[in-house]
């Protein structure tokens, strides 16, 4: 897998420190925090909201900008949400993932902003799914190449799907809450350590569970799993040139048919917040099965789990089945 690291490792600690020291204790909680004295945190979408809730617990009041069932990339922010954002004590988001959020944060005037993209090392993930058929898809006017999924210089923002990188972000968020609310610093540190411990255990589960498989390649409609694939030695093949709800080009279909046979691929994965039309079309034409690989951009009643850990373990189980884990 072709991966180019864009942020020097030496800069990581500094980035975390900057994200934390940028926050100062507020002299008065905003309206979003209410009159209960809790720190008002606005989180851009589920993975950021989950961190705030797990680390802040009883000391924070978390408001999520992206409602359950809404595809985060397509989020449009209402005037009411913009106002709520401006009244927050802390804003937690991941720059480049949601253009509407980036714009609202820039215009909000909120000083206590934490960009999760500065708390870990972002990478470029090479995938034939990003390259093949892109020009054809644009020429036909039938889709795009997930340009909205990637930020500056093509950096992949889907870091939460790698438990180890998600743990790095968790530590940065914990440090930020300590700065914002030093009176409860001990609790934030304790909660951060507990969460990081759980994420470390999950990382071990994935390593052990995917160590010995019949195939190392998986096909997905959404190229969100580059970090997960890299961490566990897998190869992600995403359908390119079209969005998750569009049919693949004939050229890409033919290529994936050959790839599936060559790499012993059994399954085409789709996700819960987007249509499964692409996956089912490809599977029908290639004789493959379909299953869910959830990018965890939101939790709904259709999700295979109630929270981050449950859905990630469902993803692991589905990958083990599709890849022929032994």
C-alpha atoms as a PDB file:
ATOM      1  CA  UNK A   1       0.000   0.000   0.000  1.00  0.00           C
ATOM      2  CA  UNK A   2       1.358   3.365  -1.036  1.00  0.00           C
ATOM      3  CA  UNK A   3       1.341   5.601   2.033  1.00  0.00           C
ATOM      4  CA  UNK A   4       3.036   8.963   2.320  1.00  0.00           C
ATOM      5  CA  UNK A   5       3.227  10.486   5.774  1.00  0.00           C
ATOM      6  CA  UNK A   6       2.589  14.191   5.716  1.00  0.00           C
ATOM      7  CA  UNK A   7       3.084  15.330   9.281  1.00  0.00           C
ATOM      8  CA  UNK A   8       6.498  14.659  10.887  1.00  0.00           C
ATOM      9  CA  UNK A   9       6.291  12.438  13.941  1.00  0.00           C
ATOM     10  CA  UNK A  10       8.302  14.959  15.905  1.00  0.00           C
ATOM     11  CA  UNK A  11       5.547  17.471  15.338  1.00  0.00           C
ATOM     12  CA  UNK A  12       2.901  15.217  16.848  1.00  0.00           C
ATOM     13  CA  UNK A  13       3.580  16.069  20.472  1.00  0.00           C
ATOM     14  CA  UNK A  14       3.667  19.739  19.600  1.00  0.00           C
ATOM     15  CA  UNK A  15       0.387  19.465  17.747  1.00  0.00           C
ATOM     16  CA  UNK A  16      -1.262  17.840  20.741  1.00  0.00           C
ATOM     17  CA  UNK A  17       0.156  20.503  23.013  1.00  0.00           C
ATOM     18  CA  UNK A  18      -1.048  23.278  20.754  1.00  0.00           C
ATOM     19  CA  UNK A  19      -4.511  21.729  20.597  1.00  0.00           C
ATOM     20  CA  UNK A  20      -4.597  21.615  24.366  1.00  0.00           C
ATOM     21  CA  UNK A  21      -3.021  24.921  25.260  1.00  0.00           C
ATOM     22  CA  UNK A  22      -5.293  26.706  22.830  1.00  0.00           C
ATOM     23  CA  UNK A  23      -8.037  26.056  25.347  1.00  0.00           C
ATOM     24  CA  UNK A  24      -8.437  28.124  28.466  1.00  0.00           C
ATOM     25  CA  UNK A  25     -10.948  27.924  31.246  1.00  0.00           C
ATOM     26  CA  UNK A  26     -14.067  29.878  30.394  1.00  0.00           C
ATOM     27  CA  UNK A  27     -15.210  32.501  32.861  1.00  0.00           C
ATOM     28  CA  UNK A  28     -18.795  31.547  32.158  1.00  0.00           C
ATOM     29  CA  UNK A  29     -20.352  28.616  30.347  1.00  0.00           C
ATOM     30  CA  UNK A  30     -22.169  29.396  27.159  1.00  0.00           C
ATOM     31  CA  UNK A  31     -25.853  28.875  26.710  1.00  0.00           C
ATOM     32  CA  UNK A  32     -25.120  25.415  25.274  1.00  0.00           C
ATOM     33  CA  UNK A  33     -23.875  24.342  28.697  1.00  0.00           C
ATOM     34  CA  UNK A  34     -27.011  25.523  30.442  1.00  0.00           C
ATOM     35  CA  UNK A  35     -27.031  26.654  34.068  1.00  0.00           C
ATOM     36  CA  UNK A  36     -25.709  23.406  35.507  1.00  0.00           C
ATOM     37  CA  UNK A  37     -22.069  24.474  35.371  1.00  0.00           C
ATOM     38  CA  UNK A  38     -21.111  21.783  32.892  1.00  0.00           C
ATOM     39  CA  UNK A  39     -18.678  22.432  30.061  1.00  0.00           C
ATOM     40  CA  UNK A  40     -20.617  22.872  26.818  1.00  0.00           C
ATOM     41  CA  UNK A  41     -18.976  20.831  24.048  1.00  0.00           C
ATOM     42  CA  UNK A  42     -20.121  20.909  20.442  1.00  0.00           C
ATOM     43  CA  UNK A  43     -18.915  17.875  18.468  1.00  0.00           C
ATOM     44  CA  UNK A  44     -19.053  17.820  14.691  1.00  0.00           C
ATOM     45  CA  UNK A  45     -20.043  14.168  14.235  1.00  0.00           C
ATOM     46  CA  UNK A  46     -20.280  10.852  16.089  1.00  0.00           C
ATOM     47  CA  UNK A  47     -16.603   9.851  16.558  1.00  0.00           C
ATOM     48  CA  UNK A  48     -15.862  13.265  18.065  1.00  0.00           C
ATOM     49  CA  UNK A  49     -19.036  13.194  20.149  1.00  0.00           C
ATOM     50  CA  UNK A  50     -18.154   9.745  21.505  1.00  0.00           C
ATOM     51  CA  UNK A  51     -14.757  10.962  22.707  1.00  0.00           C
ATOM     52  CA  UNK A  52     -16.253  13.996  24.428  1.00  0.00           C
ATOM     53  CA  UNK A  53     -18.869  11.871  26.190  1.00  0.00           C
ATOM     54  CA  UNK A  54     -16.446   9.135  27.247  1.00  0.00           C
ATOM     55  CA  UNK A  55     -13.807  11.532  28.565  1.00  0.00           C
ATOM     56  CA  UNK A  56     -16.030  14.319  29.875  1.00  0.00           C
ATOM     57  CA  UNK A  57     -18.803  12.148  31.321  1.00  0.00           C
ATOM     58  CA  UNK A  58     -20.768  14.016  34.024  1.00  0.00           C
ATOM     59  CA  UNK A  59     -18.706  17.200  33.685  1.00  0.00           C
ATOM     60  CA  UNK A  60     -19.731  17.998  30.119  1.00  0.00           C
ATOM     61  CA  UNK A  61     -22.860  18.601  28.122  1.00  0.00           C
ATOM     62  CA  UNK A  62     -22.255  17.407  24.548  1.00  0.00           C
ATOM     63  CA  UNK A  63     -24.180  18.636  21.528  1.00  0.00           C
ATOM     64  CA  UNK A  64     -23.685  16.796  18.228  1.00  0.00           C
ATOM     65  CA  UNK A  65     -23.978  18.773  14.994  1.00  0.00           C
ATOM     66  CA  UNK A  66     -24.638  15.692  12.856  1.00  0.00           C
ATOM     67  CA  UNK A  67     -27.893  13.974  13.767  1.00  0.00           C
ATOM     68  CA  UNK A  68     -28.149  10.163  13.678  1.00  0.00           C
ATOM     69  CA  UNK A  69     -28.789   8.898  10.156  1.00  0.00           C
ATOM     70  CA  UNK A  70     -27.303  11.943   8.415  1.00  0.00           C
ATOM     71  CA  UNK A  71     -24.280  11.302   6.175  1.00  0.00           C
ATOM     72  CA  UNK A  72     -21.637  13.583   7.767  1.00  0.00           C
ATOM     73  CA  UNK A  73     -20.030  14.655   4.487  1.00  0.00           C
ATOM     74  CA  UNK A  74     -23.344  16.071   3.276  1.00  0.00           C
ATOM     75  CA  UNK A  75     -24.211  17.937   6.471  1.00  0.00           C
ATOM     76  CA  UNK A  76     -25.777  21.369   6.112  1.00  0.00           C
ATOM     77  CA  UNK A  77     -25.757  23.484   9.260  1.00  0.00           C
ATOM     78  CA  UNK A  78     -28.876  25.401  10.251  1.00  0.00           C
ATOM     79  CA  UNK A  79     -28.821  28.937  11.710  1.00  0.00           C
ATOM     80  CA  UNK A  80     -29.844  27.447  15.053  1.00  0.00           C
ATOM     81  CA  UNK A  81     -26.892  25.059  14.972  1.00  0.00           C
ATOM     82  CA  UNK A  82     -24.567  27.890  14.009  1.00  0.00           C
ATOM     83  CA  UNK A  83     -25.786  29.895  16.981  1.00  0.00           C
ATOM     84  CA  UNK A  84     -25.335  26.910  19.295  1.00  0.00           C
ATOM     85  CA  UNK A  85     -21.830  26.422  17.942  1.00  0.00           C
ATOM     86  CA  UNK A  86     -20.939  30.032  18.751  1.00  0.00           C
ATOM     87  CA  UNK A  87     -22.137  29.644  22.340  1.00  0.00           C
ATOM     88  CA  UNK A  88     -20.066  26.526  23.055  1.00  0.00           C
ATOM     89  CA  UNK A  89     -17.254  26.403  25.580  1.00  0.00           C
ATOM     90  CA  UNK A  90     -15.359  23.886  23.447  1.00  0.00           C
ATOM     91  CA  UNK A  91     -15.751  22.881  19.789  1.00  0.00           C
ATOM     92  CA  UNK A  92     -14.399  19.498  18.727  1.00  0.00           C
ATOM     93  CA  UNK A  93     -14.217  18.718  15.017  1.00  0.00           C
ATOM     94  CA  UNK A  94     -12.060  17.127  12.319  1.00  0.00           C
ATOM     95  CA  UNK A  95     -11.032  19.669   9.719  1.00  0.00           C
ATOM     96  CA  UNK A  96     -11.564  18.754   6.042  1.00  0.00           C
ATOM     97  CA  UNK A  97     -14.153  16.055   6.689  1.00  0.00           C
ATOM     98  CA  UNK A  98     -17.207  18.338   6.684  1.00  0.00           C
ATOM     99  CA  UNK A  99     -16.895  21.562   4.650  1.00  0.00           C
ATOM    100  CA  UNK A 100     -20.010  23.071   6.243  1.00  0.00           C
ATOM    101  CA  UNK A 101     -18.547  22.567   9.720  1.00  0.00           C
ATOM    102  CA  UNK A 102     -15.189  24.020   8.709  1.00  0.00           C
ATOM    103  CA  UNK A 103     -16.938  27.153   7.475  1.00  0.00           C
ATOM    104  CA  UNK A 104     -19.168  27.474  10.546  1.00  0.00           C
ATOM    105  CA  UNK A 105     -16.246  27.032  12.943  1.00  0.00           C
ATOM    106  CA  UNK A 106     -14.203  29.665  11.099  1.00  0.00           C
ATOM    107  CA  UNK A 107     -17.083  32.140  11.342  1.00  0.00           C
ATOM    108  CA  UNK A 108     -18.170  31.282  14.891  1.00  0.00           C
ATOM    109  CA  UNK A 109     -15.575  33.294  16.766  1.00  0.00           C
ATOM    110  CA  UNK A 110     -15.161  30.465  19.293  1.00  0.00           C
ATOM    111  CA  UNK A 111     -11.667  30.534  20.760  1.00  0.00           C
ATOM    112  CA  UNK A 112     -11.681  27.065  22.323  1.00  0.00           C
ATOM    113  CA  UNK A 113     -11.523  24.936  19.174  1.00  0.00           C
ATOM    114  CA  UNK A 114      -9.902  21.511  18.934  1.00  0.00           C
ATOM    115  CA  UNK A 115      -9.153  20.150  15.462  1.00  0.00           C
ATOM    116  CA  UNK A 116      -8.713  16.386  15.847  1.00  0.00           C
ATOM    117  CA  UNK A 117      -6.664  16.349  12.650  1.00  0.00           C
ATOM    118  CA  UNK A 118      -3.849  18.044  14.581  1.00  0.00           C
ATOM    119  CA  UNK A 119      -3.835  15.380  17.297  1.00  0.00           C
ATOM    120  CA  UNK A 120      -2.528  12.509  15.194  1.00  0.00           C
ATOM    121  CA  UNK A 121      -0.525  11.953  12.035  1.00  0.00           C
ATOM    122  CA  UNK A 122      -2.645  12.114   8.882  1.00  0.00           C
ATOM    123  CA  UNK A 123      -1.614  10.075   5.875  1.00  0.00           C
ATOM    124  CA  UNK A 124      -2.291   9.624   2.181  1.00  0.00           C
ATOM    125  CA  UNK A 125      -3.584   6.174   1.422  1.00  0.00           C
ATOM    126  CA  UNK A 126      -2.920   4.852  -2.040  1.00  0.00           C
ATOM    127  CA  UNK A 127      -5.726   2.649  -3.302  1.00  0.00           C
ATOM    128  CA  UNK A 128      -6.444   1.552  -6.806  1.00  0.00           C
ATOM    129  CA  UNK A 129      -9.994   2.366  -5.863  1.00  0.00           C
ATOM    130  CA  UNK A 130      -9.075   6.047  -5.886  1.00  0.00           C
ATOM    131  CA  UNK A 131      -7.364   5.986  -9.254  1.00  0.00           C
ATOM    132  CA  UNK A 132      -9.054   3.632 -11.652  1.00  0.00           C
ATOM    133  CA  UNK A 133     -12.059   4.897 -13.495  1.00  0.00           C
ATOM    134  CA  UNK A 134     -12.026   8.349 -11.944  1.00  0.00           C
ATOM    135  CA  UNK A 135     -11.672  10.161 -15.243  1.00  0.00           C
ATOM    136  CA  UNK A 136     -14.319   8.015 -16.840  1.00  0.00           C
ATOM    137  CA  UNK A 137     -16.734   8.726 -14.017  1.00  0.00           C
ATOM    138  CA  UNK A 138     -16.217  12.471 -14.322  1.00  0.00           C
ATOM    139  CA  UNK A 139     -16.484  12.394 -18.094  1.00  0.00           C
ATOM    140  CA  UNK A 140     -19.808  10.642 -17.874  1.00  0.00           C
ATOM    141  CA  UNK A 141     -21.040  13.071 -15.270  1.00  0.00           C
ATOM    142  CA  UNK A 142     -22.117  10.157 -13.138  1.00  0.00           C
ATOM    143  CA  UNK A 143     -20.272  10.829  -9.912  1.00  0.00           C
ATOM    144  CA  UNK A 144     -17.086  11.974  -8.260  1.00  0.00           C
ATOM    145  CA  UNK A 145     -13.980  10.522  -6.719  1.00  0.00           C
ATOM    146  CA  UNK A 146     -14.798  11.189  -3.095  1.00  0.00           C
ATOM    147  CA  UNK A 147     -13.003  14.500  -3.208  1.00  0.00           C
ATOM    148  CA  UNK A 148     -15.142  15.531  -0.258  1.00  0.00           C
ATOM    149  CA  UNK A 149     -13.609  12.711   1.764  1.00  0.00           C
ATOM    150  CA  UNK A 150     -10.103  14.072   1.740  1.00  0.00           C
ATOM    151  CA  UNK A 151      -8.533  17.302   2.856  1.00  0.00           C
ATOM    152  CA  UNK A 152      -5.365  19.129   1.932  1.00  0.00           C
ATOM    153  CA  UNK A 153      -2.943  17.205  -0.266  1.00  0.00           C
ATOM    154  CA  UNK A 154      -5.278  14.208  -0.275  1.00  0.00           C
ATOM    155  CA  UNK A 155      -4.905  13.411   3.404  1.00  0.00           C
ATOM    156  CA  UNK A 156      -7.308  10.758   4.631  1.00  0.00           C
ATOM    157  CA  UNK A 157      -9.381  12.004   7.607  1.00  0.00           C
ATOM    158  CA  UNK A 158     -10.886   8.628   8.627  1.00  0.00           C
ATOM    159  CA  UNK A 159      -8.459   8.180  11.523  1.00  0.00           C
ATOM    160  CA  UNK A 160     -11.028   6.940  14.037  1.00  0.00           C
ATOM    161  CA  UNK A 161     -11.217   3.579  12.237  1.00  0.00           C
ATOM    162  CA  UNK A 162      -7.697   2.842  13.478  1.00  0.00           C
ATOM    163  CA  UNK A 163      -8.024   2.260  17.255  1.00  0.00           C
ATOM    164  CA  UNK A 164      -4.393   3.272  17.841  1.00  0.00           C
ATOM    165  CA  UNK A 165      -4.817   6.626  16.091  1.00  0.00           C
ATOM    166  CA  UNK A 166      -8.187   7.152  17.752  1.00  0.00           C
ATOM    167  CA  UNK A 167      -6.392   6.698  21.087  1.00  0.00           C
ATOM    168  CA  UNK A 168      -3.943   9.465  20.144  1.00  0.00           C
ATOM    169  CA  UNK A 169      -6.879  11.775  19.445  1.00  0.00           C
ATOM    170  CA  UNK A 170      -8.480  10.743  22.744  1.00  0.00           C
ATOM    171  CA  UNK A 171      -5.369  11.845  24.638  1.00  0.00           C
ATOM    172  CA  UNK A 172      -5.445  15.211  22.873  1.00  0.00           C
ATOM    173  CA  UNK A 173      -9.128  15.698  23.662  1.00  0.00           C
ATOM    174  CA  UNK A 174      -8.492  14.754  27.281  1.00  0.00           C
ATOM    175  CA  UNK A 175      -5.705  17.325  27.543  1.00  0.00           C
ATOM    176  CA  UNK A 176      -7.983  19.936  25.994  1.00  0.00           C
ATOM    177  CA  UNK A 177     -10.743  19.317  28.543  1.00  0.00           C
ATOM    178  CA  UNK A 178      -8.206  19.533  31.353  1.00  0.00           C
ATOM    179  CA  UNK A 179      -7.235  23.011  30.117  1.00  0.00           C
ATOM    180  CA  UNK A 180     -10.855  24.057  29.667  1.00  0.00           C
ATOM    181  CA  UNK A 181     -11.959  22.790  33.077  1.00  0.00           C
ATOM    182  CA  UNK A 182      -8.932  22.364  35.392  1.00  0.00           C
ATOM    183  CA  UNK A 183     -11.128  21.831  38.444  1.00  0.00           C
ATOM    184  CA  UNK A 184     -11.967  18.348  37.129  1.00  0.00           C
ATOM    185  CA  UNK A 185      -8.566  17.567  35.644  1.00  0.00           C
ATOM    186  CA  UNK A 186      -8.117  14.362  37.643  1.00  0.00           C
ATOM    187  CA  UNK A 187     -11.390  12.932  36.331  1.00  0.00           C
ATOM    188  CA  UNK A 188     -10.573  13.822  32.738  1.00  0.00           C
ATOM    189  CA  UNK A 189      -7.178  12.159  33.007  1.00  0.00           C
ATOM    190  CA  UNK A 190      -8.655   9.065  34.614  1.00  0.00           C
ATOM    191  CA  UNK A 191     -11.378   8.800  31.960  1.00  0.00           C
ATOM    192  CA  UNK A 192      -8.840   9.316  29.189  1.00  0.00           C
ATOM    193  CA  UNK A 193      -6.614   6.544  30.513  1.00  0.00           C
ATOM    194  CA  UNK A 194      -9.584   4.181  30.752  1.00  0.00           C
ATOM    195  CA  UNK A 195     -10.684   4.928  27.192  1.00  0.00           C
ATOM    196  CA  UNK A 196      -7.161   4.563  25.803  1.00  0.00           C
ATOM    197  CA  UNK A 197      -6.912   1.220  27.602  1.00  0.00           C
ATOM    198  CA  UNK A 198     -10.083   0.002  25.909  1.00  0.00           C
ATOM    199  CA  UNK A 199      -8.856   1.191  22.512  1.00  0.00           C
ATOM    200  CA  UNK A 200      -5.521  -0.575  23.038  1.00  0.00           C
ATOM    201  CA  UNK A 201      -7.393  -3.784  23.831  1.00  0.00           C
ATOM    202  CA  UNK A 202      -9.508  -3.352  20.683  1.00  0.00           C
ATOM    203  CA  UNK A 203      -6.354  -2.858  18.628  1.00  0.00           C
ATOM    204  CA  UNK A 204      -5.043  -6.172  19.978  1.00  0.00           C
ATOM    205  CA  UNK A 205      -8.317  -7.901  19.098  1.00  0.00           C
ATOM    206  CA  UNK A 206      -8.020  -6.724  15.485  1.00  0.00           C
ATOM    207  CA  UNK A 207      -4.352  -7.741  15.225  1.00  0.00           C
ATOM    208  CA  UNK A 208      -5.033 -11.219  16.603  1.00  0.00           C
ATOM    209  CA  UNK A 209      -8.278 -11.682  14.704  1.00  0.00           C
ATOM    210  CA  UNK A 210      -6.873 -10.715  11.304  1.00  0.00           C
ATOM    211  CA  UNK A 211      -3.408 -12.194  11.639  1.00  0.00           C
ATOM    212  CA  UNK A 212      -4.116 -15.378   9.675  1.00  0.00           C
ATOM    213  CA  UNK A 213      -6.617 -15.080   6.817  1.00  0.00           C
ATOM    214  CA  UNK A 214      -7.134 -16.716   3.423  1.00  0.00           C
ATOM    215  CA  UNK A 215      -7.244 -13.299   1.727  1.00  0.00           C
ATOM    216  CA  UNK A 216      -5.859  -9.876   2.635  1.00  0.00           C
ATOM    217  CA  UNK A 217      -8.022  -7.882   0.201  1.00  0.00           C
ATOM    218  CA  UNK A 218     -11.485  -6.461   0.757  1.00  0.00           C
ATOM    219  CA  UNK A 219     -13.763  -4.470  -1.549  1.00  0.00           C
ATOM    220  CA  UNK A 220     -15.846  -1.584  -0.238  1.00  0.00           C
ATOM    221  CA  UNK A 221     -18.053   1.095  -1.769  1.00  0.00           C
ATOM    222  CA  UNK A 222     -16.569   3.810   0.430  1.00  0.00           C
ATOM    223  CA  UNK A 223     -12.803   4.267   0.643  1.00  0.00           C
ATOM    224  CA  UNK A 224     -12.857   5.038   4.353  1.00  0.00           C
ATOM    225  CA  UNK A 225     -10.804   2.116   5.611  1.00  0.00           C
ATOM    226  CA  UNK A 226      -7.258   3.044   4.593  1.00  0.00           C
ATOM    227  CA  UNK A 227      -6.014   3.438   8.165  1.00  0.00           C
ATOM    228  CA  UNK A 228      -7.631   0.180   9.272  1.00  0.00           C
ATOM    229  CA  UNK A 229      -6.189  -1.659   6.261  1.00  0.00           C
ATOM    230  CA  UNK A 230      -2.706  -0.271   6.848  1.00  0.00           C
ATOM    231  CA  UNK A 231      -2.738  -1.038  10.571  1.00  0.00           C
ATOM    232  CA  UNK A 232      -3.659  -4.696  10.074  1.00  0.00           C
ATOM    233  CA  UNK A 233      -1.861  -5.475   6.828  1.00  0.00           C
ATOM    234  CA  UNK A 234      -4.911  -5.523   4.577  1.00  0.00           C
ATOM    235  CA  UNK A 235      -5.562  -4.085   1.108  1.00  0.00           C
ATOM    236  CA  UNK A 236      -8.620  -1.889   0.576  1.00  0.00           C
ATOM    237  CA  UNK A 237     -10.146  -1.820  -2.904  1.00  0.00           C
ATOM    238  CA  UNK A 238     -12.762   0.915  -3.232  1.00  0.00           C
ATOM    239  CA  UNK A 239     -15.108   1.413  -6.155  1.00  0.00           C
ATOM    240  CA  UNK A 240     -13.828   4.600  -7.749  1.00  0.00           C
ATOM    241  CA  UNK A 241     -15.067   7.412  -9.953  1.00  0.00           C
ATOM    242  CA  UNK A 242     -18.559   7.245  -8.443  1.00  0.00           C
ATOM    243  CA  UNK A 243     -20.120   7.997  -5.082  1.00  0.00           C
ATOM    244  CA  UNK A 244     -21.441   5.189  -2.821  1.00  0.00           C
ATOM    245  CA  UNK A 245     -24.909   5.345  -4.377  1.00  0.00           C
ATOM    246  CA  UNK A 246     -23.826   5.187  -8.039  1.00  0.00           C
ATOM    247  CA  UNK A 247     -23.178   2.120 -10.134  1.00  0.00           C
ATOM    248  CA  UNK A 248     -19.530   1.291 -10.907  1.00  0.00           C
ATOM    249  CA  UNK A 249     -18.183   1.920 -14.397  1.00  0.00           C
ATOM    250  CA  UNK A 250     -17.930  -1.093 -16.723  1.00  0.00           C
ATOM    251  CA  UNK A 251     -14.122  -0.781 -16.689  1.00  0.00           C
ATOM    252  CA  UNK A 252     -13.950  -0.808 -12.894  1.00  0.00           C
ATOM    253  CA  UNK A 253     -16.479  -3.670 -12.740  1.00  0.00           C
ATOM    254  CA  UNK A 254     -14.304  -5.763 -15.024  1.00  0.00           C
ATOM    255  CA  UNK A 255     -11.201  -4.931 -13.024  1.00  0.00           C
ATOM    256  CA  UNK A 256     -12.846  -5.864  -9.729  1.00  0.00           C
ATOM    257  CA  UNK A 257     -14.091  -9.145 -11.200  1.00  0.00           C
ATOM    258  CA  UNK A 258     -10.517 -10.084 -12.022  1.00  0.00           C
ATOM    259  CA  UNK A 259      -9.266  -8.828  -8.685  1.00  0.00           C
ATOM    260  CA  UNK A 260     -11.858 -10.819  -6.748  1.00  0.00           C
ATOM    261  CA  UNK A 261     -10.788 -14.030  -8.472  1.00  0.00           C
ATOM    262  CA  UNK A 262      -7.070 -13.332  -8.160  1.00  0.00           C
ATOM    263  CA  UNK A 263      -7.168 -12.263  -4.487  1.00  0.00           C
ATOM    264  CA  UNK A 264      -9.761 -14.787  -3.327  1.00  0.00           C
ATOM    265  CA  UNK A 265     -12.250 -12.036  -2.456  1.00  0.00           C
ATOM    266  CA  UNK A 266     -15.650 -13.318  -1.337  1.00  0.00           C
ATOM    267  CA  UNK A 267     -17.517 -10.193  -0.242  1.00  0.00           C
ATOM    268  CA  UNK A 268     -18.381  -6.651  -1.300  1.00  0.00           C
ATOM    269  CA  UNK A 269     -18.943  -4.403   1.705  1.00  0.00           C
ATOM    270  CA  UNK A 270     -21.465  -1.589   1.944  1.00  0.00           C
ATOM    271  CA  UNK A 271     -22.214   0.822   4.776  1.00  0.00           C
ATOM    272  CA  UNK A 272     -25.222   1.734   6.873  1.00  0.00           C
ATOM    273  CA  UNK A 273     -25.574   5.468   6.090  1.00  0.00           C
ATOM    274  CA  UNK A 274     -25.449   5.116   2.291  1.00  0.00           C
ATOM    275  CA  UNK A 275     -27.346   3.069  -0.282  1.00  0.00           C
ATOM    276  CA  UNK A 276     -26.241  -0.531  -0.824  1.00  0.00           C
ATOM    277  CA  UNK A 277     -27.100  -0.322  -4.543  1.00  0.00           C
ATOM    278  CA  UNK A 278     -23.482  -0.199  -5.730  1.00  0.00           C
ATOM    279  CA  UNK A 279     -22.376  -3.129  -3.604  1.00  0.00           C
ATOM    280  CA  UNK A 280     -25.328  -5.296  -4.581  1.00  0.00           C
ATOM    281  CA  UNK A 281     -24.905  -4.482  -8.292  1.00  0.00           C
ATOM    282  CA  UNK A 282     -21.230  -5.409  -8.186  1.00  0.00           C
ATOM    283  CA  UNK A 283     -21.875  -8.526  -6.116  1.00  0.00           C
ATOM    284  CA  UNK A 284     -24.599  -9.738  -8.471  1.00  0.00           C
ATOM    285  CA  UNK A 285     -22.348  -9.320 -11.518  1.00  0.00           C
ATOM    286  CA  UNK A 286     -19.325 -10.956  -9.886  1.00  0.00           C
ATOM    287  CA  UNK A 287     -21.029 -13.711  -7.921  1.00  0.00           C
ATOM    288  CA  UNK A 288     -19.865 -12.291  -4.599  1.00  0.00           C
ATOM    289  CA  UNK A 289     -21.621 -11.925  -1.260  1.00  0.00           C
ATOM    290  CA  UNK A 290     -22.440  -8.618   0.441  1.00  0.00           C
ATOM    291  CA  UNK A 291     -21.979  -7.549   4.043  1.00  0.00           C
ATOM    292  CA  UNK A 292     -21.644  -4.418   6.183  1.00  0.00           C
ATOM    293  CA  UNK A 293     -18.389  -2.623   6.951  1.00  0.00           C
ATOM    294  CA  UNK A 294     -19.434   0.414   8.921  1.00  0.00           C
ATOM    295  CA  UNK A 295     -17.271   3.579   8.655  1.00  0.00           C
ATOM    296  CA  UNK A 296     -18.778   4.654  11.983  1.00  0.00           C
ATOM    297  CA  UNK A 297     -19.661   8.142  10.874  1.00  0.00           C
ATOM    298  CA  UNK A 298     -22.914   7.876  12.785  1.00  0.00           C
ATOM    299  CA  UNK A 299     -24.973   5.459  14.887  1.00  0.00           C
ATOM    300  CA  UNK A 300     -28.570   4.586  14.007  1.00  0.00           C
ATOM    301  CA  UNK A 301     -30.998   1.782  14.837  1.00  0.00           C
ATOM    302  CA  UNK A 302     -29.614   0.009  11.743  1.00  0.00           C
ATOM    303  CA  UNK A 303     -26.061   0.017  13.079  1.00  0.00           C
ATOM    304  CA  UNK A 304     -24.547  -3.312  14.131  1.00  0.00           C
ATOM    305  CA  UNK A 305     -23.960  -2.069  17.656  1.00  0.00           C
ATOM    306  CA  UNK A 306     -24.915   0.714  20.047  1.00  0.00           C
ATOM    307  CA  UNK A 307     -21.562   2.502  20.244  1.00  0.00           C
ATOM    308  CA  UNK A 308     -18.073   2.733  18.761  1.00  0.00           C
ATOM    309  CA  UNK A 309     -16.737  -0.420  20.383  1.00  0.00           C
ATOM    310  CA  UNK A 310     -19.727  -2.611  19.506  1.00  0.00           C
ATOM    311  CA  UNK A 311     -19.729  -1.510  15.860  1.00  0.00           C
ATOM    312  CA  UNK A 312     -15.962  -1.932  15.538  1.00  0.00           C
ATOM    313  CA  UNK A 313     -16.233  -5.473  16.871  1.00  0.00           C
ATOM    314  CA  UNK A 314     -19.002  -6.147  14.353  1.00  0.00           C
ATOM    315  CA  UNK A 315     -16.669  -4.833  11.645  1.00  0.00           C
ATOM    316  CA  UNK A 316     -13.971  -7.208  12.863  1.00  0.00           C
ATOM    317  CA  UNK A 317     -16.347 -10.151  12.815  1.00  0.00           C
ATOM    318  CA  UNK A 318     -17.502  -9.307   9.283  1.00  0.00           C
ATOM    319  CA  UNK A 319     -13.930  -8.895   8.054  1.00  0.00           C
ATOM    320  CA  UNK A 320     -12.904 -12.206   9.590  1.00  0.00           C
ATOM    321  CA  UNK A 321     -15.769 -13.954   7.825  1.00  0.00           C
ATOM    322  CA  UNK A 322     -15.119 -12.283   4.467  1.00  0.00           C
ATOM    323  CA  UNK A 323     -11.337 -12.795   4.555  1.00  0.00           C
ATOM    324  CA  UNK A 324     -11.492 -16.379   5.774  1.00  0.00           C
ATOM    325  CA  UNK A 325      -9.834 -15.891   9.161  1.00  0.00           C
ATOM    326  CA  UNK A 326      -8.392 -19.066  10.639  1.00  0.00           C
END
